[in-house]
N, C-alpha and C. Protein backbone atom coordinates (compact mmCIF):
# COMPACT_ATOMS: atom_id res chain seq x y z
N MET A 1 -139.83 62.32 -86.67
CA MET A 1 -139.89 61.20 -85.52
C MET A 1 -141.25 61.55 -84.84
N LYS A 2 -142.15 60.45 -85.09
CA LYS A 2 -143.46 60.24 -84.48
C LYS A 2 -143.48 59.38 -83.41
N HIS A 3 -144.39 59.42 -82.46
CA HIS A 3 -144.76 58.36 -81.59
C HIS A 3 -146.23 57.99 -81.65
N THR A 4 -146.47 56.71 -81.46
CA THR A 4 -147.85 56.23 -81.72
C THR A 4 -148.70 55.98 -80.50
N SER A 5 -148.25 55.37 -79.51
CA SER A 5 -148.83 54.80 -78.45
C SER A 5 -148.73 55.59 -77.15
N GLY A 6 -147.48 56.01 -76.77
CA GLY A 6 -147.38 56.62 -75.53
C GLY A 6 -147.74 58.08 -75.53
N LYS A 7 -147.58 58.79 -74.44
CA LYS A 7 -147.93 60.27 -74.26
C LYS A 7 -146.72 60.97 -73.75
N PHE A 8 -146.32 62.29 -74.24
CA PHE A 8 -145.35 62.79 -73.89
C PHE A 8 -145.67 64.26 -73.24
N ILE A 9 -145.30 64.36 -72.04
CA ILE A 9 -145.70 65.58 -71.33
C ILE A 9 -144.46 66.21 -70.72
N SER A 10 -144.47 67.79 -71.01
CA SER A 10 -143.35 68.53 -70.60
C SER A 10 -143.91 69.44 -69.43
N LEU A 11 -143.00 69.71 -68.47
CA LEU A 11 -143.31 70.80 -67.50
C LEU A 11 -142.36 71.89 -67.72
N GLU A 12 -142.72 73.20 -67.78
CA GLU A 12 -141.97 74.20 -68.10
C GLU A 12 -142.26 75.45 -67.25
N GLY A 13 -141.24 76.45 -67.04
CA GLY A 13 -141.37 77.52 -66.26
C GLY A 13 -140.06 77.92 -65.92
N MET A 14 -139.99 79.27 -65.48
CA MET A 14 -138.68 79.68 -65.04
C MET A 14 -138.46 79.28 -63.58
N ASP A 15 -137.14 79.25 -63.24
CA ASP A 15 -136.66 78.80 -61.99
C ASP A 15 -137.44 79.51 -60.84
N GLY A 16 -137.91 78.74 -59.90
CA GLY A 16 -138.69 79.25 -58.86
C GLY A 16 -140.28 79.22 -59.17
N ALA A 17 -140.70 78.66 -60.27
CA ALA A 17 -142.09 78.79 -60.63
C ALA A 17 -142.80 77.53 -59.86
N GLY A 18 -142.02 76.63 -59.38
CA GLY A 18 -142.70 75.46 -58.47
C GLY A 18 -143.10 74.19 -59.38
N LYS A 19 -142.71 74.20 -60.75
CA LYS A 19 -143.02 73.05 -61.40
C LYS A 19 -142.73 71.70 -60.79
N SER A 20 -141.54 71.58 -60.38
CA SER A 20 -140.81 70.26 -59.99
C SER A 20 -141.69 69.76 -58.89
N THR A 21 -142.45 70.71 -58.10
CA THR A 21 -143.16 70.28 -56.92
C THR A 21 -144.38 69.38 -57.24
N HIS A 22 -144.89 69.48 -58.64
CA HIS A 22 -145.87 68.68 -58.94
C HIS A 22 -145.66 67.43 -59.61
N ILE A 23 -144.45 67.21 -59.79
CA ILE A 23 -144.04 65.82 -60.66
C ILE A 23 -144.71 64.59 -59.63
N PRO A 24 -144.48 64.39 -58.47
CA PRO A 24 -144.84 63.42 -57.70
C PRO A 24 -146.51 63.13 -57.80
N SER A 25 -147.19 64.14 -57.66
CA SER A 25 -148.64 63.90 -57.81
C SER A 25 -149.07 63.59 -59.24
N ILE A 26 -148.35 64.10 -60.32
CA ILE A 26 -148.81 63.74 -61.62
C ILE A 26 -148.42 62.42 -61.80
N ILE A 27 -147.30 61.95 -61.39
CA ILE A 27 -146.90 60.49 -61.61
C ILE A 27 -147.92 59.60 -61.11
N LEU A 28 -148.37 59.93 -59.81
CA LEU A 28 -149.40 59.09 -59.12
C LEU A 28 -150.77 59.06 -59.79
N GLN A 29 -150.94 60.07 -60.29
CA GLN A 29 -152.36 60.26 -61.06
C GLN A 29 -152.27 59.53 -62.25
N LEU A 30 -151.24 59.44 -62.98
CA LEU A 30 -151.16 58.73 -64.21
C LEU A 30 -150.85 57.28 -63.97
N GLN A 31 -150.17 56.74 -62.88
CA GLN A 31 -150.00 55.41 -62.50
C GLN A 31 -151.37 54.89 -62.01
N GLN A 32 -152.27 55.65 -61.45
CA GLN A 32 -153.47 55.07 -61.09
C GLN A 32 -154.30 54.62 -62.21
N ARG A 33 -154.07 55.10 -63.33
CA ARG A 33 -154.72 54.76 -64.60
C ARG A 33 -154.14 53.37 -64.98
N GLY A 34 -153.09 52.85 -64.55
CA GLY A 34 -152.51 51.71 -64.92
C GLY A 34 -151.43 51.72 -66.02
N VAL A 35 -150.93 53.06 -66.33
CA VAL A 35 -149.88 53.19 -67.32
C VAL A 35 -148.62 53.25 -66.63
N GLU A 36 -147.54 52.91 -67.46
CA GLU A 36 -146.15 53.09 -67.09
C GLU A 36 -145.75 54.52 -67.16
N VAL A 37 -145.19 55.09 -66.19
CA VAL A 37 -144.62 56.41 -66.25
C VAL A 37 -143.10 56.69 -66.10
N VAL A 38 -142.50 57.27 -67.16
CA VAL A 38 -141.08 57.48 -67.09
C VAL A 38 -141.01 59.02 -66.73
N SER A 39 -140.36 59.24 -65.59
CA SER A 39 -139.99 60.62 -65.09
C SER A 39 -138.67 61.01 -65.37
N THR A 40 -138.24 62.19 -66.12
CA THR A 40 -136.94 62.43 -66.40
C THR A 40 -136.90 64.05 -66.35
N ARG A 41 -135.64 64.61 -66.80
CA ARG A 41 -135.34 65.97 -66.73
C ARG A 41 -134.48 66.41 -67.72
N GLU A 42 -134.57 67.64 -68.06
CA GLU A 42 -133.49 68.23 -68.86
C GLU A 42 -132.82 69.58 -68.22
N PRO A 43 -131.70 69.81 -68.59
CA PRO A 43 -130.74 68.84 -69.29
C PRO A 43 -130.56 67.72 -68.19
N GLY A 44 -130.17 66.57 -68.78
CA GLY A 44 -130.07 65.26 -67.92
C GLY A 44 -130.90 64.09 -68.54
N GLY A 45 -131.31 63.31 -67.68
CA GLY A 45 -132.04 62.15 -68.15
C GLY A 45 -131.20 60.98 -68.50
N THR A 46 -129.98 61.17 -68.77
CA THR A 46 -128.98 59.96 -69.09
C THR A 46 -127.78 60.19 -68.36
N ALA A 47 -126.97 59.20 -68.29
CA ALA A 47 -125.73 59.36 -67.63
C ALA A 47 -124.80 60.48 -68.16
N LEU A 48 -124.87 60.53 -69.58
CA LEU A 48 -124.08 61.65 -70.21
C LEU A 48 -124.78 62.88 -70.09
N GLY A 49 -126.13 62.96 -70.11
CA GLY A 49 -126.87 64.14 -69.87
C GLY A 49 -126.82 64.88 -68.57
N GLU A 50 -126.57 63.86 -67.58
CA GLU A 50 -126.33 64.52 -66.16
C GLU A 50 -125.08 65.14 -65.96
N LYS A 51 -124.14 64.58 -66.68
CA LYS A 51 -122.65 65.27 -66.78
C LYS A 51 -122.76 66.56 -67.38
N LEU A 52 -123.42 66.50 -68.49
CA LEU A 52 -123.53 67.88 -69.25
C LEU A 52 -124.37 68.79 -68.50
N ARG A 53 -125.27 68.40 -67.68
CA ARG A 53 -126.08 69.25 -66.77
C ARG A 53 -125.17 70.07 -65.87
N GLU A 54 -124.30 69.35 -65.19
CA GLU A 54 -123.34 70.05 -64.18
C GLU A 54 -122.52 71.09 -64.89
N ILE A 55 -122.07 70.77 -66.02
CA ILE A 55 -121.40 71.82 -66.78
C ILE A 55 -122.24 73.08 -67.26
N LEU A 56 -123.38 72.82 -67.69
CA LEU A 56 -124.33 73.72 -68.24
C LEU A 56 -124.84 74.67 -67.03
N LEU A 57 -125.05 74.10 -65.93
CA LEU A 57 -125.57 74.85 -64.78
C LEU A 57 -124.54 75.61 -64.08
N HIS A 58 -123.31 75.38 -64.26
CA HIS A 58 -122.29 75.94 -63.44
C HIS A 58 -121.16 76.51 -64.01
N GLU A 59 -120.84 76.27 -65.36
CA GLU A 59 -119.71 76.66 -66.14
C GLU A 59 -120.21 77.95 -67.00
N PRO A 60 -119.41 79.02 -66.93
CA PRO A 60 -119.72 80.09 -67.87
C PRO A 60 -119.31 79.85 -69.17
N MET A 61 -120.10 80.03 -70.20
CA MET A 61 -119.79 79.75 -71.70
C MET A 61 -120.58 80.81 -72.61
N HIS A 62 -120.32 80.83 -73.66
CA HIS A 62 -121.02 81.51 -74.79
C HIS A 62 -122.41 81.07 -74.92
N PRO A 63 -123.56 81.78 -75.04
CA PRO A 63 -124.97 81.33 -75.11
C PRO A 63 -125.03 80.20 -76.18
N GLU A 64 -124.36 80.51 -77.46
CA GLU A 64 -124.45 79.51 -78.53
C GLU A 64 -123.83 78.08 -78.15
N THR A 65 -122.77 78.16 -77.43
CA THR A 65 -122.15 76.94 -76.89
C THR A 65 -123.37 76.37 -76.00
N GLU A 66 -123.79 76.94 -75.18
CA GLU A 66 -124.85 76.57 -74.21
C GLU A 66 -125.97 75.95 -74.98
N ALA A 67 -126.40 76.49 -75.98
CA ALA A 67 -127.66 75.84 -76.79
C ALA A 67 -127.24 74.61 -77.35
N MET A 68 -126.01 74.55 -78.02
CA MET A 68 -125.56 73.22 -78.56
C MET A 68 -125.33 72.19 -77.68
N LEU A 69 -124.84 72.59 -76.48
CA LEU A 69 -124.78 71.51 -75.37
C LEU A 69 -126.11 71.11 -74.91
N MET A 70 -127.04 71.98 -74.77
CA MET A 70 -128.34 71.46 -74.52
C MET A 70 -128.84 70.60 -75.43
N PHE A 71 -128.77 70.75 -76.85
CA PHE A 71 -129.34 69.94 -77.68
C PHE A 71 -128.38 68.51 -77.80
N SER A 72 -127.26 68.58 -77.49
CA SER A 72 -126.41 67.41 -77.33
C SER A 72 -126.89 66.52 -76.40
N ALA A 73 -127.23 67.08 -75.18
CA ALA A 73 -127.86 66.27 -74.09
C ALA A 73 -129.25 65.80 -74.48
N ARG A 74 -129.96 66.63 -75.24
CA ARG A 74 -131.28 66.24 -75.73
C ARG A 74 -131.34 65.20 -76.64
N ARG A 75 -130.42 65.15 -77.54
CA ARG A 75 -130.29 64.08 -78.50
C ARG A 75 -130.14 62.79 -77.86
N GLU A 76 -129.30 62.66 -76.91
CA GLU A 76 -129.04 61.49 -76.14
C GLU A 76 -130.23 61.09 -75.26
N HIS A 77 -130.94 62.24 -74.74
CA HIS A 77 -132.13 61.84 -73.91
C HIS A 77 -133.14 61.13 -74.82
N ILE A 78 -133.46 61.67 -75.97
CA ILE A 78 -134.37 61.37 -76.86
C ILE A 78 -134.03 59.82 -77.23
N ALA A 79 -132.88 59.59 -77.66
CA ALA A 79 -132.41 58.21 -78.15
C ALA A 79 -132.50 57.18 -77.00
N GLN A 80 -131.99 57.61 -75.80
CA GLN A 80 -131.82 56.58 -74.91
C GLN A 80 -133.11 56.41 -74.01
N VAL A 81 -133.94 57.43 -73.70
CA VAL A 81 -135.12 57.34 -72.71
C VAL A 81 -136.33 57.60 -73.50
N ILE A 82 -136.51 58.92 -73.96
CA ILE A 82 -137.89 59.27 -74.45
C ILE A 82 -138.37 58.47 -75.40
N GLN A 83 -137.73 58.25 -76.63
CA GLN A 83 -138.33 57.57 -77.73
C GLN A 83 -138.60 56.12 -77.40
N PRO A 84 -137.57 55.26 -76.68
CA PRO A 84 -138.02 53.96 -76.37
C PRO A 84 -139.22 53.96 -75.30
N ALA A 85 -139.31 54.77 -74.52
CA ALA A 85 -140.48 54.75 -73.59
C ALA A 85 -141.84 54.96 -74.31
N LEU A 86 -141.86 56.02 -75.30
CA LEU A 86 -143.00 56.14 -75.97
C LEU A 86 -143.36 55.08 -76.84
N ALA A 87 -142.34 54.42 -77.49
CA ALA A 87 -142.55 53.38 -78.39
C ALA A 87 -143.31 52.09 -77.81
N ARG A 88 -142.97 52.05 -76.28
CA ARG A 88 -143.68 50.88 -75.71
C ARG A 88 -144.81 51.29 -74.89
N GLY A 89 -145.42 52.48 -75.14
CA GLY A 89 -146.63 52.86 -74.77
C GLY A 89 -146.68 53.66 -73.44
N ALA A 90 -145.44 53.96 -72.91
CA ALA A 90 -145.30 54.74 -71.62
C ALA A 90 -145.70 56.09 -71.70
N TYR A 91 -146.00 56.69 -70.67
CA TYR A 91 -146.24 58.16 -70.57
C TYR A 91 -144.93 58.85 -70.08
N VAL A 92 -144.23 59.62 -70.88
CA VAL A 92 -142.95 60.24 -70.37
C VAL A 92 -143.35 61.66 -69.78
N LEU A 93 -142.82 61.90 -68.59
CA LEU A 93 -142.96 63.18 -67.98
C LEU A 93 -141.65 63.93 -67.75
N THR A 94 -141.41 64.96 -68.47
CA THR A 94 -140.06 65.56 -68.39
C THR A 94 -140.09 66.98 -67.93
N ASP A 95 -139.23 67.09 -66.91
CA ASP A 95 -138.95 68.43 -66.25
C ASP A 95 -138.17 69.33 -67.27
N ARG A 96 -138.74 69.87 -68.24
CA ARG A 96 -138.22 70.76 -69.29
C ARG A 96 -137.95 69.96 -70.50
N PHE A 97 -138.04 70.70 -71.60
CA PHE A 97 -137.76 70.20 -72.98
C PHE A 97 -137.20 71.40 -73.81
N SER A 98 -137.48 71.26 -75.01
CA SER A 98 -136.87 72.32 -76.01
C SER A 98 -137.42 73.73 -75.81
N ASP A 99 -138.58 73.88 -75.22
CA ASP A 99 -139.31 75.22 -74.98
C ASP A 99 -138.45 75.93 -74.10
N ALA A 100 -137.75 75.32 -73.15
CA ALA A 100 -136.78 75.91 -72.16
C ALA A 100 -135.58 76.53 -73.04
N THR A 101 -135.12 75.84 -73.91
CA THR A 101 -133.95 76.45 -74.71
C THR A 101 -134.49 77.61 -75.50
N TYR A 102 -135.69 77.65 -76.10
CA TYR A 102 -136.21 78.91 -76.68
C TYR A 102 -136.34 79.96 -75.63
N ALA A 103 -136.71 79.73 -74.47
CA ALA A 103 -137.01 80.67 -73.33
C ALA A 103 -135.65 81.30 -72.92
N TYR A 104 -134.77 80.35 -72.53
CA TYR A 104 -133.40 80.71 -71.86
C TYR A 104 -132.39 81.08 -72.91
N GLN A 105 -131.94 80.29 -73.87
CA GLN A 105 -131.00 80.60 -74.66
C GLN A 105 -131.39 81.56 -75.85
N CYS A 106 -132.43 81.44 -76.18
CA CYS A 106 -132.85 82.40 -77.25
C CYS A 106 -133.53 83.61 -76.83
N GLY A 107 -134.60 83.52 -75.98
CA GLY A 107 -135.28 84.72 -75.37
C GLY A 107 -134.43 85.53 -74.55
N ALA A 108 -134.00 84.78 -73.53
CA ALA A 108 -133.19 85.54 -72.46
C ALA A 108 -131.74 85.88 -72.79
N LYS A 109 -131.22 85.02 -73.66
CA LYS A 109 -129.67 85.20 -73.96
C LYS A 109 -129.27 85.65 -75.36
N GLY A 110 -130.41 85.71 -76.19
CA GLY A 110 -130.17 86.40 -77.49
C GLY A 110 -129.61 85.40 -78.64
N VAL A 111 -129.61 84.07 -78.47
CA VAL A 111 -129.29 83.21 -79.52
C VAL A 111 -130.40 83.38 -80.57
N ALA A 112 -130.02 83.42 -81.72
CA ALA A 112 -130.96 83.64 -82.77
C ALA A 112 -131.89 82.37 -82.94
N ALA A 113 -133.28 82.79 -83.02
CA ALA A 113 -134.40 81.82 -83.04
C ALA A 113 -134.07 80.72 -84.23
N GLU A 114 -133.55 81.22 -85.42
CA GLU A 114 -133.40 80.37 -86.67
C GLU A 114 -132.41 79.26 -86.30
N LYS A 115 -131.20 79.61 -85.45
CA LYS A 115 -130.22 78.61 -85.08
C LYS A 115 -130.85 77.53 -84.24
N ILE A 116 -131.70 78.04 -83.19
CA ILE A 116 -132.43 77.03 -82.38
C ILE A 116 -133.32 76.05 -83.09
N MET A 117 -134.00 76.67 -84.04
CA MET A 117 -134.94 75.80 -85.01
C MET A 117 -134.16 74.86 -85.71
N GLN A 118 -132.94 75.16 -86.27
CA GLN A 118 -132.15 74.21 -87.17
C GLN A 118 -131.78 73.06 -86.09
N LEU A 119 -131.33 73.53 -84.97
CA LEU A 119 -130.87 72.25 -83.99
C LEU A 119 -132.06 71.54 -83.67
N GLU A 120 -133.12 72.12 -83.29
CA GLU A 120 -134.37 71.40 -83.00
C GLU A 120 -134.92 70.43 -84.10
N GLN A 121 -134.82 70.88 -85.30
CA GLN A 121 -135.25 70.00 -86.50
C GLN A 121 -134.28 68.85 -86.55
N TRP A 122 -132.89 69.04 -86.40
CA TRP A 122 -132.15 68.00 -86.47
C TRP A 122 -132.12 66.94 -85.43
N VAL A 123 -132.17 67.35 -84.17
CA VAL A 123 -132.09 66.62 -82.96
C VAL A 123 -133.51 65.88 -82.76
N GLN A 124 -134.60 66.68 -82.85
CA GLN A 124 -135.79 66.09 -82.41
C GLN A 124 -136.82 65.46 -83.64
N MET A 125 -136.31 65.84 -84.88
CA MET A 125 -137.17 65.16 -85.95
C MET A 125 -138.45 65.24 -85.99
N GLY A 126 -139.02 66.33 -85.38
CA GLY A 126 -140.58 66.49 -85.34
C GLY A 126 -141.11 66.10 -83.95
N LEU A 127 -140.35 65.47 -83.09
CA LEU A 127 -140.84 65.17 -81.78
C LEU A 127 -141.16 66.39 -80.84
N GLN A 128 -142.29 66.36 -80.44
CA GLN A 128 -142.69 67.41 -79.62
C GLN A 128 -143.77 66.85 -78.54
N PRO A 129 -143.67 67.53 -77.25
CA PRO A 129 -144.77 67.02 -76.37
C PRO A 129 -146.31 67.06 -76.82
N ASP A 130 -146.84 66.17 -76.36
CA ASP A 130 -148.41 66.07 -76.55
C ASP A 130 -149.00 67.27 -75.70
N LEU A 131 -148.47 67.45 -74.57
CA LEU A 131 -148.91 68.39 -73.59
C LEU A 131 -147.91 69.11 -72.93
N THR A 132 -147.85 70.52 -72.85
CA THR A 132 -146.86 71.31 -72.02
C THR A 132 -147.55 72.04 -70.93
N LEU A 133 -147.17 71.84 -69.69
CA LEU A 133 -147.66 72.67 -68.60
C LEU A 133 -146.65 73.78 -68.35
N LEU A 134 -147.06 74.80 -68.61
CA LEU A 134 -146.18 76.21 -68.27
C LEU A 134 -146.63 76.75 -66.94
N PHE A 135 -145.91 76.60 -65.87
CA PHE A 135 -146.02 77.17 -64.59
C PHE A 135 -145.56 78.72 -64.55
N ASP A 136 -146.61 79.53 -64.60
CA ASP A 136 -146.21 81.01 -64.60
C ASP A 136 -146.36 81.78 -63.39
N VAL A 137 -145.24 82.50 -63.05
CA VAL A 137 -145.34 83.38 -61.75
C VAL A 137 -144.67 84.48 -62.17
N PRO A 138 -144.97 85.76 -61.48
CA PRO A 138 -144.11 86.99 -61.71
C PRO A 138 -142.83 86.92 -61.49
N PRO A 139 -141.82 87.58 -62.16
CA PRO A 139 -140.33 87.37 -61.90
C PRO A 139 -140.09 87.72 -60.43
N GLU A 140 -140.64 88.69 -59.87
CA GLU A 140 -140.42 88.94 -58.41
C GLU A 140 -140.74 87.75 -57.52
N VAL A 141 -141.77 87.05 -57.75
CA VAL A 141 -141.99 85.94 -57.01
C VAL A 141 -141.12 84.81 -57.11
N SER A 142 -140.72 84.63 -58.40
CA SER A 142 -139.69 83.50 -58.76
C SER A 142 -138.33 83.94 -57.96
N LEU A 143 -137.99 85.13 -58.00
CA LEU A 143 -136.57 85.50 -57.36
C LEU A 143 -136.76 85.38 -55.76
N GLN A 144 -137.91 85.63 -55.32
CA GLN A 144 -138.15 85.69 -53.81
C GLN A 144 -138.09 84.12 -53.42
N ARG A 145 -138.63 83.33 -54.29
CA ARG A 145 -138.62 81.92 -53.73
C ARG A 145 -137.21 81.27 -53.94
N LEU A 146 -136.55 81.67 -54.96
CA LEU A 146 -135.08 81.27 -55.15
C LEU A 146 -134.27 81.70 -54.02
N SER A 147 -134.58 82.80 -53.42
CA SER A 147 -133.60 83.49 -52.36
C SER A 147 -133.71 82.55 -51.16
N THR A 148 -134.78 81.70 -50.89
CA THR A 148 -134.80 80.97 -49.76
C THR A 148 -134.74 79.49 -50.05
N ALA A 149 -134.21 79.32 -51.40
CA ALA A 149 -134.06 77.77 -51.60
C ALA A 149 -132.51 77.42 -51.50
N ARG A 150 -132.08 76.30 -52.16
CA ARG A 150 -130.80 75.87 -52.11
C ARG A 150 -129.82 76.85 -52.68
N ALA A 151 -128.50 76.50 -52.77
CA ALA A 151 -127.55 77.28 -53.40
C ALA A 151 -127.98 77.47 -54.92
N PRO A 152 -127.92 78.55 -55.44
CA PRO A 152 -128.36 78.79 -56.85
C PRO A 152 -127.48 78.40 -57.88
N ASP A 153 -127.73 77.97 -58.99
CA ASP A 153 -126.84 77.66 -60.18
C ASP A 153 -126.74 79.04 -60.84
N LYS A 154 -125.93 79.02 -61.99
CA LYS A 154 -125.75 80.19 -62.69
C LYS A 154 -126.95 81.10 -63.33
N PHE A 155 -128.05 80.20 -63.72
CA PHE A 155 -129.12 80.80 -64.18
C PHE A 155 -130.09 81.46 -63.13
N GLU A 156 -130.08 80.77 -62.08
CA GLU A 156 -130.79 81.35 -60.83
C GLU A 156 -130.18 82.54 -60.22
N ARG A 157 -129.06 82.78 -60.57
CA ARG A 157 -128.25 83.92 -59.92
C ARG A 157 -128.59 85.18 -60.85
N GLU A 158 -129.13 85.10 -62.02
CA GLU A 158 -129.46 86.18 -62.79
C GLU A 158 -130.41 87.21 -62.17
N GLY A 159 -130.39 88.45 -62.75
CA GLY A 159 -131.29 89.31 -62.22
C GLY A 159 -132.68 89.55 -62.62
N LEU A 160 -133.37 90.57 -62.29
CA LEU A 160 -134.74 90.68 -62.57
C LEU A 160 -135.08 90.85 -64.06
N ALA A 161 -134.07 91.58 -64.84
CA ALA A 161 -134.27 91.73 -66.22
C ALA A 161 -134.45 90.49 -66.94
N PHE A 162 -133.45 89.56 -66.45
CA PHE A 162 -133.22 88.17 -67.17
C PHE A 162 -134.61 87.42 -67.01
N PHE A 163 -135.15 87.50 -65.84
CA PHE A 163 -136.37 86.71 -65.54
C PHE A 163 -137.48 87.35 -66.08
N GLU A 164 -137.58 88.63 -66.34
CA GLU A 164 -138.68 89.31 -67.06
C GLU A 164 -138.69 88.74 -68.42
N GLN A 165 -137.45 88.73 -69.01
CA GLN A 165 -137.48 88.29 -70.58
C GLN A 165 -137.75 86.75 -70.64
N LEU A 166 -137.44 86.00 -69.69
CA LEU A 166 -137.54 84.70 -69.51
C LEU A 166 -139.12 84.46 -69.44
N ARG A 167 -139.78 85.14 -68.69
CA ARG A 167 -141.38 84.92 -68.52
C ARG A 167 -142.04 85.32 -70.02
N SER A 168 -141.61 86.50 -70.40
CA SER A 168 -142.12 86.99 -71.72
C SER A 168 -142.00 85.94 -72.87
N SER A 169 -140.70 85.30 -72.92
CA SER A 169 -140.39 84.43 -73.93
C SER A 169 -141.31 83.19 -73.71
N TYR A 170 -141.46 82.52 -72.60
CA TYR A 170 -142.33 81.43 -72.21
C TYR A 170 -143.84 81.73 -72.65
N LEU A 171 -144.12 82.93 -72.29
CA LEU A 171 -145.63 83.20 -72.75
C LEU A 171 -145.86 83.49 -74.22
N GLN A 172 -144.76 83.89 -74.81
CA GLN A 172 -144.91 84.13 -76.32
C GLN A 172 -144.94 82.63 -76.93
N ARG A 173 -144.15 81.87 -76.38
CA ARG A 173 -144.05 80.35 -76.86
C ARG A 173 -145.39 79.69 -76.74
N ALA A 174 -146.12 79.97 -75.60
CA ALA A 174 -147.48 79.26 -75.23
C ALA A 174 -148.45 79.92 -76.11
N ALA A 175 -148.49 81.04 -76.58
CA ALA A 175 -149.38 81.82 -77.36
C ALA A 175 -149.10 81.21 -78.89
N GLN A 176 -147.84 80.86 -79.24
CA GLN A 176 -147.51 80.39 -80.57
C GLN A 176 -147.95 78.95 -80.76
N PHE A 177 -148.07 78.19 -79.58
CA PHE A 177 -148.51 76.78 -79.81
C PHE A 177 -149.65 76.55 -78.64
N PRO A 178 -150.76 77.09 -78.90
CA PRO A 178 -151.83 76.89 -77.94
C PRO A 178 -152.37 75.62 -77.91
N GLN A 179 -152.18 74.66 -78.91
CA GLN A 179 -152.81 73.42 -78.98
C GLN A 179 -152.22 72.59 -77.93
N ARG A 180 -150.83 72.82 -77.57
CA ARG A 180 -150.27 71.84 -76.60
C ARG A 180 -149.91 72.41 -75.32
N PHE A 181 -149.89 73.82 -75.18
CA PHE A 181 -149.57 74.61 -73.91
C PHE A 181 -150.82 74.65 -73.21
N ARG A 182 -150.66 74.65 -71.72
CA ARG A 182 -151.67 75.10 -70.82
C ARG A 182 -150.84 75.92 -69.80
N VAL A 183 -151.30 77.09 -69.73
CA VAL A 183 -150.55 78.21 -68.94
C VAL A 183 -151.26 78.02 -67.44
N ILE A 184 -150.57 77.73 -66.44
CA ILE A 184 -151.10 77.64 -65.09
C ILE A 184 -150.61 78.81 -64.17
N ASP A 185 -151.48 79.56 -63.60
CA ASP A 185 -151.17 80.50 -62.72
C ASP A 185 -150.64 79.97 -61.36
N ALA A 186 -149.20 79.76 -61.28
CA ALA A 186 -148.65 79.24 -60.10
C ALA A 186 -148.32 80.18 -58.94
N ASN A 187 -148.90 81.40 -59.12
CA ASN A 187 -148.82 82.32 -57.98
C ASN A 187 -150.06 82.22 -57.09
N GLN A 188 -150.49 80.85 -56.78
CA GLN A 188 -151.61 80.73 -56.00
C GLN A 188 -151.28 79.72 -55.02
N PRO A 189 -152.11 79.54 -53.79
CA PRO A 189 -151.65 78.47 -52.90
C PRO A 189 -151.58 77.12 -53.60
N LEU A 190 -150.70 76.41 -53.06
CA LEU A 190 -150.17 75.03 -53.58
C LEU A 190 -151.40 74.25 -54.01
N GLU A 191 -152.37 74.03 -53.14
CA GLU A 191 -153.44 73.03 -53.31
C GLU A 191 -154.22 73.46 -54.45
N LYS A 192 -154.42 74.72 -54.62
CA LYS A 192 -155.25 75.22 -55.80
C LYS A 192 -154.48 74.82 -57.12
N VAL A 193 -153.20 75.12 -57.24
CA VAL A 193 -152.48 74.69 -58.32
C VAL A 193 -152.50 73.27 -58.55
N LYS A 194 -152.43 72.48 -57.54
CA LYS A 194 -152.54 70.86 -57.73
C LYS A 194 -153.83 70.54 -58.37
N VAL A 195 -154.84 71.26 -57.95
CA VAL A 195 -156.14 70.74 -58.53
C VAL A 195 -156.19 71.24 -59.94
N LEU A 196 -155.69 72.30 -60.37
CA LEU A 196 -155.58 72.82 -61.67
C LEU A 196 -154.86 71.76 -62.62
N VAL A 197 -153.64 71.33 -62.00
CA VAL A 197 -152.86 70.36 -62.84
C VAL A 197 -153.52 69.17 -62.88
N ALA A 198 -154.15 68.53 -61.84
CA ALA A 198 -155.01 67.41 -61.90
C ALA A 198 -155.96 67.37 -62.92
N ASP A 199 -156.70 68.45 -63.05
CA ASP A 199 -157.70 68.55 -63.99
C ASP A 199 -157.34 68.49 -65.47
N ILE A 200 -156.08 69.12 -65.74
CA ILE A 200 -155.44 69.14 -66.97
C ILE A 200 -154.96 67.66 -67.42
N ILE A 201 -154.31 67.01 -66.41
CA ILE A 201 -153.72 65.78 -66.64
C ILE A 201 -154.93 64.66 -66.91
N ALA A 202 -155.96 64.95 -66.36
CA ALA A 202 -157.01 63.99 -66.56
C ALA A 202 -157.45 64.16 -67.98
N THR A 203 -157.23 65.15 -68.81
CA THR A 203 -157.54 65.11 -70.18
C THR A 203 -156.83 64.43 -71.13
N ILE A 204 -155.62 64.03 -70.75
CA ILE A 204 -154.63 63.54 -71.67
C ILE A 204 -154.77 62.05 -71.63
């Protein structure tokens, strides 16, 4: 599954890394170029996906069940939102994509990478972001930020060891695919991070 005209950008990072904060400014920067921007998220992005999101974020379940539900939501997301937008030349900006499944369900929860890869090949048929921004912070910073935020979901309630594994998995993923990943030190003042993000977005 390839796209020819639009651009596909994903934002990744563990909970508390601050990635979602930058979505409005990225949208504005892209719109100023005169392109259509579709902003979406995972799990979610469709009516079905949002229902699955509530289940995934709050219901306890086996990690493999979690992974399969993530890819069920993703299949619908690709079919209903991402692929049509890319086909008409839009820029798609998604808050998480399949790298998150490798980090959370594979890296931090132990689902075999081979199983994730099989689901990825089946569901995505080769579709990958053109650019992935990985917002990286130390686990302690992530947890501190989460402690002052809204009521946490089940992932955000995990302890330090989980977040350390999550960060490690994300950085391994970035090292594996350096051509599309840009790792951003998000443990800096917000304005500095915004400048870094804007400079990267200007290149796509």
